[in-house]
Amino acid sequence: MEVCDVKKEIIANCAQEETRVALLEDGRMTELFIDRPALGISKLVGNIYKGRVENVLPGISSAFVNVGFEKNAYLYITDVLSENNERNIEKMLRKGDQIMVQVAKEAIGTKGMKVTMDISLPGRFLILMPKSEHIGVSKQLMNKPERERLRKIVESLNPPGGVIVRTEAENVSDRELAREMKYLMRVWDETQKKFEASPTGTLIHREVGLTFQVARDIMNEQVDIYLIDSRDEYLDVKRYMEMLVPEYADRIQHYTGRTPVFEAFGVEQEIAKLRHQRVDLPSGGYIIIQEAESLCAIDVNTGKFTGDKSQEETVTATNLEAATEVARQLRLRNIGGIIVIDFIDMRRRRNQHKVVDHLLKITRSDRAKIKILPITRLGLVEMTRERRRESLLSLLSEPCAECDGSGWVLSRESTYLKLEKEIKNMTQGRTDGRLRLLLPPAVADFVRQRQERLEKNLRRSIEIQSDPTLAWQDYRITLE
């Protein structure tokens, strides 16, 4: 099935402290956006700040900029604008300089947000880049006469800088393009005035809210409906679309059902699965997704799928199915950076190419920039995916307090041996006094089965009690 045949629906759940928007393709969730401004967790990409240069580090060709947050923003030399093509960052910036910067990537893990001085103001059809001079047209617009028409229209509007014509501008009238350009120029005017009047560390332009941004960037002829459960948000987004693209305004609908909208469309159940490493495939195979800070490893397994043909065909079928699911999970979990996929070994070269070609095809619908390398001799596929914000796993969860985020805890055997060593160190060979152990239930059962042996090694009797409130690695040793 071609990408253009996919049925798309957008579902928005707007609560007081959280806004969630899900993109469904053929009834399955493929993207999830979450904004939590009331809890201090809000989407920052696209925001523009008046910043102050705090440090210039020539050794890494970078600067750190105070934009009003606890952690300074990171500005690399390629994101610094220079009038005379200067490539020495110490000559381009100085400590204390007040500069206008835009958030390009949000803070991820221990890294602060990444900013750029090359400002861009996105609209529905155009992206105004006031610090640039280049006028370009989206590469996805293949029709040469249409590309030339759009370029001439934009040039005739005398924009205050560079412009990128978006794919959605295809066949759009010059009147609509002129109207949007006028709007973007007004936004840029206001941003400049705020920069001059505001103190450093101030937000001078905020990117539109999540529901509006989704309407602007995702709504197109393939989207059948945009369902919003908040009446106020529904009315605002509908008015926004009537101004932006009137022909799509009727697709904005208000959800009035009694069942919460995310439960009615099965989205809540899908979100619950996002913290699981294992994702089952329809055939019986499965993939394991393991995220690290800068790398994600994905392992493909046949599982229960044995097929009814040769082993090579069974493996290839599983890998093709896995490639489809991997593409979906990368979008859904918003996994970025370096990704390594360990497909099941295929002997025939043509089958290896078949799987990689399918992965290339299926990832074309991903709006993030993706680069896929050829399959290696070990059957690994290396790829990169643009990372602009933290993954959903980081947003929805935090490291386990018991295992320090490793996913592992001490085994029963290791805990048993640790207890024995600790008791020996505590008693120093003495046999007087009463010894009592308070343990988690599973560990207590394990130790009871070996109580006689433990008492013999320690040369004393031991009372063992279980406490279900204790964490797995926690225990109490009492000597009375």
Protein backbone atom coordinates (compact mmCIF):
# COMPACT_ATOMS: atom_id res chain seq x y z
CA MET A 1 0.00 0.00 0.00
CA GLU A 2 1.39 3.39 -0.99
CA VAL A 3 1.85 6.13 1.56
CA CYS A 4 -0.68 8.35 -0.24
CA ASP A 5 -3.42 5.75 0.33
CA VAL A 6 -3.06 5.87 4.11
CA LYS A 7 -6.11 7.14 6.00
CA LYS A 8 -5.04 9.79 8.50
CA GLU A 9 -6.86 11.09 11.57
CA ILE A 10 -5.73 13.55 14.24
CA ILE A 11 -7.04 13.19 17.80
CA ALA A 12 -6.49 15.89 20.45
CA ASN A 13 -7.01 15.52 24.20
CA CYS A 14 -6.86 18.91 25.93
CA ALA A 15 -6.75 18.89 29.74
CA GLN A 16 -5.95 21.68 32.19
CA GLU A 17 -2.34 20.60 32.75
CA GLU A 18 -1.57 18.62 29.59
CA THR A 19 -2.35 18.69 25.88
CA ARG A 20 -1.84 15.50 23.86
CA VAL A 21 -2.28 15.13 20.12
CA ALA A 22 -2.08 11.77 18.34
CA LEU A 23 -1.73 11.12 14.61
CA LEU A 24 -3.45 7.91 13.50
CA GLU A 25 -2.70 6.20 10.18
CA ASP A 26 -5.15 3.45 9.22
CA GLY A 27 -6.37 3.44 12.82
CA ARG A 28 -2.91 2.96 14.41
CA MET A 29 -1.06 5.69 16.27
CA THR A 30 2.14 6.75 14.48
CA GLU A 31 2.99 10.02 16.22
CA LEU A 32 2.26 11.47 19.64
CA PHE A 33 2.84 15.07 20.74
CA ILE A 34 2.67 16.12 24.40
CA ASP A 35 2.76 19.60 25.93
CA ARG A 36 2.68 20.20 29.70
CA PRO A 37 3.08 23.97 30.19
CA ALA A 38 1.26 24.00 33.54
CA LEU A 39 3.90 21.62 34.94
CA GLY A 40 6.80 23.65 33.57
CA ILE A 41 7.35 21.18 30.69
CA SER A 42 6.54 22.97 27.48
CA LYS A 43 7.66 22.67 23.88
CA LEU A 44 10.42 25.21 23.27
CA VAL A 45 11.56 24.53 19.68
CA GLY A 46 10.77 27.59 17.58
CA ASN A 47 10.72 30.03 20.51
CA ILE A 48 12.87 33.14 20.06
CA TYR A 49 14.78 34.75 22.96
CA LYS A 50 16.91 37.78 23.63
CA GLY A 51 20.06 36.16 24.94
CA ARG A 52 23.40 37.23 26.38
CA VAL A 53 26.67 35.50 25.49
CA GLU A 54 28.13 34.08 28.72
CA ASN A 55 31.15 32.19 27.38
CA VAL A 56 32.97 31.86 24.06
CA LEU A 57 35.00 28.66 23.74
CA PRO A 58 37.25 28.62 20.66
CA GLY A 59 38.45 25.09 21.45
CA ILE A 60 35.04 23.69 20.53
CA SER A 61 34.02 26.57 18.23
CA SER A 62 30.99 27.26 20.40
CA ALA A 63 29.41 29.76 22.74
CA PHE A 64 27.01 29.46 25.65
CA VAL A 65 24.10 31.86 25.80
CA ASN A 66 21.91 32.87 28.75
CA VAL A 67 18.29 32.83 27.57
CA GLY A 68 16.67 32.92 31.00
CA PHE A 69 16.89 29.23 31.95
CA GLU A 70 18.94 27.57 34.67
CA LYS A 71 21.19 25.95 32.06
CA ASN A 72 22.76 28.08 29.32
CA ALA A 73 21.91 27.33 25.68
CA TYR A 74 24.53 25.94 23.29
CA LEU A 75 25.39 27.89 20.13
CA TYR A 76 27.71 26.25 17.59
CA ILE A 77 29.79 28.29 15.12
CA THR A 78 27.72 27.17 12.10
CA ASP A 79 24.65 28.73 13.75
CA VAL A 80 26.38 32.07 14.28
CA LEU A 81 25.71 34.68 11.62
CA SER A 82 28.65 36.70 10.31
CA GLU A 83 28.58 39.59 7.84
CA ASN A 84 32.10 39.05 6.47
CA ASN A 85 32.28 35.23 6.42
CA GLU A 86 34.46 35.22 9.53
CA ARG A 87 35.14 31.68 10.81
CA ASN A 88 36.84 32.52 14.11
CA ILE A 89 34.16 32.43 16.80
CA GLU A 90 36.16 34.75 19.09
CA LYS A 91 35.90 37.46 16.43
CA MET A 92 32.23 36.72 15.76
CA LEU A 93 31.03 36.85 19.38
CA ARG A 94 32.20 38.33 22.64
CA LYS A 95 31.15 37.76 26.23
CA GLY A 96 28.27 40.07 27.10
CA ASP A 97 26.95 40.43 23.53
CA GLN A 98 23.16 40.61 23.32
CA ILE A 99 21.90 38.42 20.49
CA MET A 100 18.61 37.10 19.14
CA VAL A 101 18.49 33.28 19.14
CA GLN A 102 15.89 30.64 18.31
CA VAL A 103 15.62 27.19 19.92
CA ALA A 104 16.60 24.53 17.35
CA LYS A 105 16.71 21.53 19.71
CA GLU A 106 15.33 21.15 23.19
CA ALA A 107 17.45 20.14 26.18
CA ILE A 108 18.02 16.37 26.09
CA GLY A 109 19.42 14.50 29.08
CA THR A 110 22.35 16.45 30.51
CA LYS A 111 22.69 18.63 27.41
CA GLY A 112 21.22 22.13 27.33
CA MET A 113 19.06 23.38 24.49
CA LYS A 114 20.68 24.12 21.12
CA VAL A 115 20.01 27.55 19.61
CA THR A 116 20.68 29.30 16.32
CA MET A 117 20.95 32.92 15.20
CA ASP A 118 19.45 31.98 11.81
CA ILE A 119 15.83 32.79 12.67
CA SER A 120 12.97 31.06 10.83
CA LEU A 121 9.26 31.89 11.09
CA PRO A 122 7.10 29.07 9.70
CA GLY A 123 3.70 29.54 8.14
CA ARG A 124 1.40 27.12 6.38
CA PHE A 125 2.92 27.67 2.93
CA LEU A 126 6.09 29.68 3.55
CA ILE A 127 8.99 29.82 5.98
CA LEU A 128 10.39 33.32 6.38
CA MET A 129 14.13 33.41 7.19
CA PRO A 130 14.84 37.12 7.79
CA LYS A 131 18.56 36.63 8.45
CA SER A 132 19.07 34.86 5.12
CA GLU A 133 18.84 35.82 1.44
CA HIS A 134 18.14 32.45 -0.17
CA ILE A 135 14.77 31.71 -1.79
CA GLY A 136 14.15 28.00 -2.22
CA VAL A 137 11.33 25.56 -2.95
CA SER A 138 10.72 22.24 -1.17
CA LYS A 139 12.44 19.33 -2.90
CA GLN A 140 9.23 17.33 -2.58
CA LEU A 141 7.63 19.62 -5.18
CA MET A 142 8.70 17.80 -8.35
CA ASN A 143 6.71 19.80 -10.96
CA LYS A 144 9.25 22.21 -12.52
CA PRO A 145 6.72 24.75 -13.91
CA GLU A 146 5.00 24.88 -10.51
CA ARG A 147 8.33 25.36 -8.73
CA GLU A 148 9.19 28.23 -11.05
CA ARG A 149 5.73 29.81 -10.58
CA LEU A 150 6.05 29.73 -6.80
CA ARG A 151 9.58 31.12 -6.88
CA LYS A 152 8.51 34.08 -9.05
CA ILE A 153 5.54 34.84 -6.80
CA VAL A 154 7.73 34.88 -3.69
CA GLU A 155 10.36 37.07 -5.34
CA SER A 156 7.66 39.56 -6.38
CA LEU A 157 6.58 39.93 -2.73
CA ASN A 158 9.96 41.49 -1.80
CA PRO A 159 10.41 39.47 1.42
CA PRO A 160 12.69 40.92 4.14
CA GLY A 161 15.12 38.01 3.84
CA GLY A 162 15.14 34.42 2.63
CA VAL A 163 12.07 32.23 2.09
CA ILE A 164 11.49 28.49 1.83
CA VAL A 165 8.33 27.51 -0.06
CA ARG A 166 6.74 24.50 1.64
CA THR A 167 5.22 21.47 -0.10
CA GLU A 168 1.73 22.61 0.95
CA ALA A 169 2.09 25.68 -1.31
CA GLU A 170 1.54 23.60 -4.46
CA ASN A 171 -1.25 25.13 -6.57
CA VAL A 172 -1.88 27.84 -3.96
CA SER A 173 -2.88 31.22 -5.41
CA ASP A 174 -0.58 34.25 -5.35
CA ARG A 175 -3.18 36.03 -3.20
CA GLU A 176 -2.94 33.40 -0.46
CA LEU A 177 0.86 33.46 -0.55
CA ALA A 178 0.85 37.27 -0.34
CA ARG A 179 -1.51 37.14 2.64
CA GLU A 180 0.74 34.71 4.50
CA MET A 181 3.87 36.68 3.67
CA LYS A 182 2.23 39.81 5.07
CA TYR A 183 1.42 37.93 8.27
CA LEU A 184 4.98 36.57 8.66
CA MET A 185 6.46 40.02 8.02
CA ARG A 186 4.23 41.45 10.75
CA VAL A 187 5.41 38.74 13.18
CA TRP A 188 9.04 39.55 12.35
CA ASP A 189 8.40 43.26 12.87
CA GLU A 190 6.92 42.62 16.32
CA THR A 191 9.79 40.29 17.24
CA GLN A 192 12.39 42.92 16.37
CA LYS A 193 10.58 45.58 18.43
CA LYS A 194 10.41 43.24 21.44
CA PHE A 195 14.13 42.49 21.08
CA GLU A 196 14.98 46.18 21.32
CA ALA A 197 12.66 46.82 24.29
CA SER A 198 13.19 43.65 26.38
CA PRO A 199 15.89 42.73 28.91
CA THR A 200 18.17 39.76 28.22
CA GLY A 201 16.85 36.30 29.00
CA THR A 202 13.38 37.24 27.72
CA LEU A 203 11.08 35.28 25.45
CA ILE A 204 10.29 37.62 22.54
CA HIS A 205 8.37 35.24 20.26
CA ARG A 206 6.50 32.07 21.25
CA GLU A 207 5.82 29.30 18.77
CA VAL A 208 2.08 28.64 18.36
CA GLY A 209 0.43 26.17 20.74
CA LEU A 210 0.49 22.42 20.11
CA THR A 211 -3.00 22.07 18.63
CA PHE A 212 -2.39 25.04 16.31
CA GLN A 213 1.04 23.77 15.29
CA VAL A 214 -0.36 20.36 14.36
CA ALA A 215 -3.09 22.06 12.31
CA ARG A 216 -0.51 24.19 10.52
CA ASP A 217 2.08 21.48 9.84
CA ILE A 218 0.11 18.24 9.43
CA MET A 219 -3.38 19.11 8.17
CA ASN A 220 -3.62 18.33 4.45
CA GLU A 221 -5.92 16.58 1.98
CA GLN A 222 -4.94 13.16 3.37
CA VAL A 223 -6.24 14.00 6.87
CA ASP A 224 -9.92 13.06 7.11
CA ILE A 225 -10.65 14.60 10.50
CA TYR A 226 -9.05 16.57 13.34
CA LEU A 227 -11.03 15.69 16.47
CA ILE A 228 -10.65 17.90 19.58
CA ASP A 229 -12.33 17.15 22.91
CA SER A 230 -12.19 20.73 24.26
CA ARG A 231 -14.86 23.06 22.90
CA ASP A 232 -12.79 26.22 23.47
CA GLU A 233 -9.73 24.70 21.79
CA TYR A 234 -11.90 23.37 18.97
CA LEU A 235 -13.38 26.84 18.26
CA ASP A 236 -9.93 28.48 18.36
CA VAL A 237 -8.32 25.92 16.02
CA LYS A 238 -11.31 26.05 13.65
CA ARG A 239 -11.04 29.85 13.40
CA TYR A 240 -7.29 29.49 12.87
CA MET A 241 -7.87 27.05 9.98
CA GLU A 242 -10.59 29.28 8.47
CA MET A 243 -7.97 32.00 8.27
CA LEU A 244 -5.13 29.68 7.21
CA VAL A 245 -6.73 27.10 4.89
CA PRO A 246 -10.54 27.56 4.69
CA GLU A 247 -11.10 24.37 2.67
CA TYR A 248 -9.89 22.23 5.60
CA ALA A 249 -11.83 24.05 8.33
CA ASP A 250 -14.79 21.63 8.16
CA ARG A 251 -12.46 18.75 9.03
CA ILE A 252 -11.92 20.27 12.49
CA GLN A 253 -14.56 18.58 14.64
CA HIS A 254 -15.56 18.74 18.31
CA TYR A 255 -15.59 15.38 20.15
CA THR A 256 -18.61 15.14 22.47
CA GLY A 257 -18.62 11.44 23.39
CA ARG A 258 -18.82 10.30 27.02
CA THR A 259 -15.84 7.97 26.69
CA PRO A 260 -12.56 9.94 26.85
CA VAL A 261 -11.39 10.51 23.28
CA PHE A 262 -8.03 8.73 23.70
CA GLU A 263 -9.75 5.66 25.14
CA ALA A 264 -12.41 5.66 22.41
CA PHE A 265 -9.73 5.50 19.70
CA GLY A 266 -7.43 3.07 21.54
CA VAL A 267 -4.71 5.70 21.98
CA GLU A 268 -4.48 5.36 25.76
CA GLN A 269 -3.66 1.66 25.41
CA GLU A 270 -0.97 2.46 22.82
CA ILE A 271 0.63 5.03 25.12
CA ALA A 272 0.81 2.45 27.92
CA LYS A 273 2.92 0.23 25.64
CA LEU A 274 5.49 2.92 24.89
CA ARG A 275 7.51 2.11 28.02
CA HIS A 276 7.85 -1.55 26.98
CA GLN A 277 11.04 -2.65 25.26
CA ARG A 278 9.34 -5.51 23.44
CA VAL A 279 6.99 -4.89 20.52
CA ASP A 280 5.20 -7.92 19.07
CA LEU A 281 4.78 -8.34 15.31
CA PRO A 282 1.56 -9.69 13.74
CA SER A 283 3.28 -12.86 12.48
CA GLY A 284 4.54 -13.90 15.93
CA GLY A 285 8.00 -12.32 15.75
CA TYR A 286 9.02 -9.35 17.86
CA ILE A 287 11.52 -6.50 18.18
CA ILE A 288 13.39 -5.28 21.25
CA ILE A 289 14.03 -1.53 21.52
CA GLN A 290 16.74 -0.36 23.92
CA GLU A 291 17.33 3.37 24.17
CA ALA A 292 20.52 4.97 25.49
CA GLU A 293 21.35 8.67 25.68
CA SER A 294 23.05 8.86 22.28
CA LEU A 295 22.23 5.52 20.64
CA CYS A 296 19.27 3.20 20.19
CA ALA A 297 19.71 -0.54 19.51
CA ILE A 298 16.86 -2.55 17.96
CA ASP A 299 16.97 -6.35 17.82
CA VAL A 300 14.71 -8.41 15.52
CA ASN A 301 13.61 -11.94 16.48
CA THR A 302 11.42 -14.53 14.73
CA GLY A 303 9.78 -15.58 18.01
CA LYS A 304 6.90 -18.00 17.37
CA PHE A 305 6.88 -17.35 13.62
CA THR A 306 8.20 -20.43 11.79
CA GLY A 307 6.60 -19.85 8.39
CA ASP A 308 5.57 -22.51 5.91
CA LYS A 309 8.40 -22.06 3.41
CA SER A 310 12.22 -22.04 3.59
CA GLN A 311 14.15 -20.54 6.49
CA GLU A 312 15.46 -17.74 4.23
CA GLU A 313 11.93 -16.75 3.21
CA THR A 314 10.70 -16.89 6.81
CA VAL A 315 13.58 -14.69 8.00
CA THR A 316 13.08 -12.21 5.14
CA ALA A 317 9.32 -11.98 5.83
CA THR A 318 10.04 -11.29 9.52
CA ASN A 319 12.63 -8.64 8.67
CA LEU A 320 10.24 -6.87 6.28
CA GLU A 321 7.53 -6.85 8.92
CA ALA A 322 10.04 -5.62 11.50
CA ALA A 323 11.22 -2.80 9.21
CA THR A 324 7.65 -1.51 8.97
CA GLU A 325 7.21 -1.60 12.74
CA VAL A 326 10.64 -0.05 13.39
CA ALA A 327 9.73 2.95 11.19
CA ARG A 328 6.47 3.35 13.12
CA GLN A 329 8.11 3.04 16.55
CA LEU A 330 10.83 5.59 15.72
CA ARG A 331 8.16 8.17 14.90
CA LEU A 332 5.90 7.15 17.75
CA ARG A 333 8.61 7.18 20.44
CA ASN A 334 10.40 10.14 18.82
CA ILE A 335 13.72 8.30 18.91
CA GLY A 336 16.59 10.33 17.46
CA GLY A 337 20.34 10.16 17.05
CA ILE A 338 22.18 6.99 15.98
CA ILE A 339 20.04 3.88 15.55
CA VAL A 340 21.39 0.37 14.94
CA ILE A 341 18.99 -2.36 13.78
CA ASP A 342 20.10 -5.98 14.13
CA PHE A 343 18.01 -7.75 11.51
CA ILE A 344 17.97 -11.56 11.44
CA ASP A 345 20.77 -12.86 9.20
CA MET A 346 19.81 -13.29 5.54
CA ARG A 347 22.12 -15.25 3.25
CA ARG A 348 20.95 -13.83 -0.06
CA ARG A 349 22.15 -10.37 -0.93
CA ARG A 350 18.97 -9.56 -2.82
CA ASN A 351 16.91 -10.19 0.33
CA GLN A 352 19.18 -7.86 2.31
CA HIS A 353 18.66 -5.13 -0.31
CA LYS A 354 14.93 -5.86 -0.27
CA VAL A 355 14.70 -5.18 3.47
CA VAL A 356 16.79 -1.98 3.32
CA ASP A 357 14.80 -0.70 0.33
CA HIS A 358 11.57 -1.36 2.22
CA LEU A 359 12.92 0.54 5.24
CA LEU A 360 13.85 3.46 2.98
CA LYS A 361 10.38 3.47 1.44
CA ILE A 362 8.45 3.19 4.69
CA THR A 363 10.41 6.02 6.38
CA ARG A 364 9.59 8.54 3.63
CA SER A 365 6.46 9.59 5.52
CA ASP A 366 8.60 10.57 8.54
CA ARG A 367 8.91 14.36 8.79
CA ALA A 368 12.25 14.04 10.61
CA LYS A 369 15.42 13.88 8.51
CA ILE A 370 16.62 10.28 8.16
CA LYS A 371 19.79 8.77 6.70
CA ILE A 372 20.04 4.99 6.20
CA LEU A 373 23.32 3.24 5.39
CA PRO A 374 23.65 -0.09 3.51
CA ILE A 375 23.40 -3.29 5.52
CA THR A 376 26.74 -4.44 6.97
CA ARG A 377 28.34 -7.88 6.70
CA LEU A 378 27.04 -8.60 10.20
CA GLY A 379 23.45 -7.92 9.11
CA LEU A 380 23.27 -4.55 10.89
CA VAL A 381 21.58 -1.45 9.49
CA GLU A 382 22.94 1.86 10.75
CA MET A 383 20.80 4.95 10.46
CA THR A 384 20.38 8.41 11.92
CA ARG A 385 17.17 10.27 12.68
CA GLU A 386 16.92 13.98 13.40
CA ARG A 387 16.58 14.70 17.10
CA ARG A 388 14.84 17.98 17.93
CA ARG A 389 13.27 17.13 21.29
CA GLU A 390 13.58 14.42 23.92
CA SER A 391 12.14 10.99 23.27
CA LEU A 392 8.73 10.07 24.65
CA LEU A 393 10.39 7.51 26.94
CA SER A 394 12.32 10.34 28.62
CA LEU A 395 9.16 12.47 28.84
CA LEU A 396 6.85 9.76 30.18
CA SER A 397 9.24 8.02 32.58
CA GLU A 398 12.28 8.48 34.80
CA PRO A 399 15.11 6.16 35.89
CA CYS A 400 14.09 3.41 38.31
CA ALA A 401 15.06 4.25 41.89
CA GLU A 402 15.75 0.59 42.67
CA CYS A 403 18.02 -0.25 39.75
CA ASP A 404 19.42 3.27 39.06
CA GLY A 405 17.98 3.08 35.56
CA SER A 406 19.98 -0.01 34.57
CA GLY A 407 16.95 -2.29 34.35
CA TRP A 408 18.72 -4.83 36.57
CA VAL A 409 18.69 -5.59 40.31
CA LEU A 410 20.74 -7.98 42.41
CA SER A 411 19.70 -11.61 41.93
CA ARG A 412 18.40 -13.65 44.87
CA GLU A 413 21.67 -15.58 44.93
CA SER A 414 23.75 -12.39 45.02
CA THR A 415 21.56 -10.92 47.77
CA TYR A 416 21.90 -14.13 49.79
CA LEU A 417 25.72 -14.03 49.55
CA LYS A 418 25.77 -10.30 50.35
CA LEU A 419 23.69 -10.94 53.49
CA GLU A 420 26.04 -13.69 54.63
CA LYS A 421 29.14 -11.48 54.20
CA GLU A 422 27.51 -8.52 55.93
CA ILE A 423 26.41 -10.64 58.92
CA LYS A 424 29.92 -12.09 59.27
CA ASN A 425 31.42 -8.59 59.27
CA MET A 426 28.80 -7.42 61.77
CA THR A 427 29.18 -10.29 64.27
CA GLN A 428 32.95 -10.79 63.91
CA GLY A 429 32.51 -14.51 64.71
CA ARG A 430 30.46 -13.89 67.89
CA THR A 431 27.48 -16.20 68.45
CA ASP A 432 25.69 -14.30 71.22
CA GLY A 433 22.53 -12.24 70.72
CA ARG A 434 19.42 -12.73 68.59
CA LEU A 435 19.72 -12.19 64.82
CA ARG A 436 16.66 -11.18 62.78
CA LEU A 437 16.43 -10.56 59.03
CA LEU A 438 13.66 -8.47 57.46
CA LEU A 439 13.55 -9.17 53.70
CA PRO A 440 11.35 -8.62 50.62
CA PRO A 441 9.00 -11.64 50.20
CA ALA A 442 10.75 -13.25 47.19
CA VAL A 443 14.19 -12.91 48.80
CA ALA A 444 12.83 -14.12 52.16
CA ASP A 445 11.50 -17.31 50.52
CA PHE A 446 14.86 -17.91 48.83
CA VAL A 447 16.80 -17.47 52.10
CA ARG A 448 14.37 -19.69 54.07
CA GLN A 449 15.04 -22.54 51.64
CA ARG A 450 18.74 -22.20 52.57
CA GLN A 451 18.28 -21.20 56.21
CA GLU A 452 19.83 -24.36 57.64
CA ARG A 453 22.92 -23.92 55.49
CA LEU A 454 23.21 -20.22 56.39
CA GLU A 455 22.86 -20.90 60.12
CA LYS A 456 25.57 -23.57 59.87
CA ASN A 457 27.96 -21.15 58.14
CA LEU A 458 27.26 -18.42 60.69
CA ARG A 459 27.10 -20.83 63.68
CA ARG A 460 23.93 -19.23 65.01
CA SER A 461 20.13 -19.33 64.62
CA ILE A 462 18.39 -16.76 62.46
CA GLU A 463 14.82 -15.45 62.43
CA ILE A 464 13.59 -14.56 58.94
CA GLN A 465 10.64 -12.23 58.34
CA SER A 466 9.20 -10.94 55.05
CA ASP A 467 8.01 -7.37 54.50
CA PRO A 468 6.13 -6.61 51.23
CA THR A 469 6.79 -2.87 51.67
CA LEU A 470 10.53 -3.34 51.22
CA ALA A 471 12.08 -2.65 47.81
CA TRP A 472 13.75 -5.60 46.06
CA GLN A 473 17.31 -4.70 47.08
CA ASP A 474 16.39 -3.43 50.55
CA TYR A 475 16.69 -5.44 53.77
CA ARG A 476 17.17 -5.04 57.54
CA ILE A 477 19.62 -6.92 59.79
CA THR A 478 18.89 -6.64 63.52
CA LEU A 479 21.18 -8.03 66.21
CA GLU A 480 19.69 -7.96 69.69
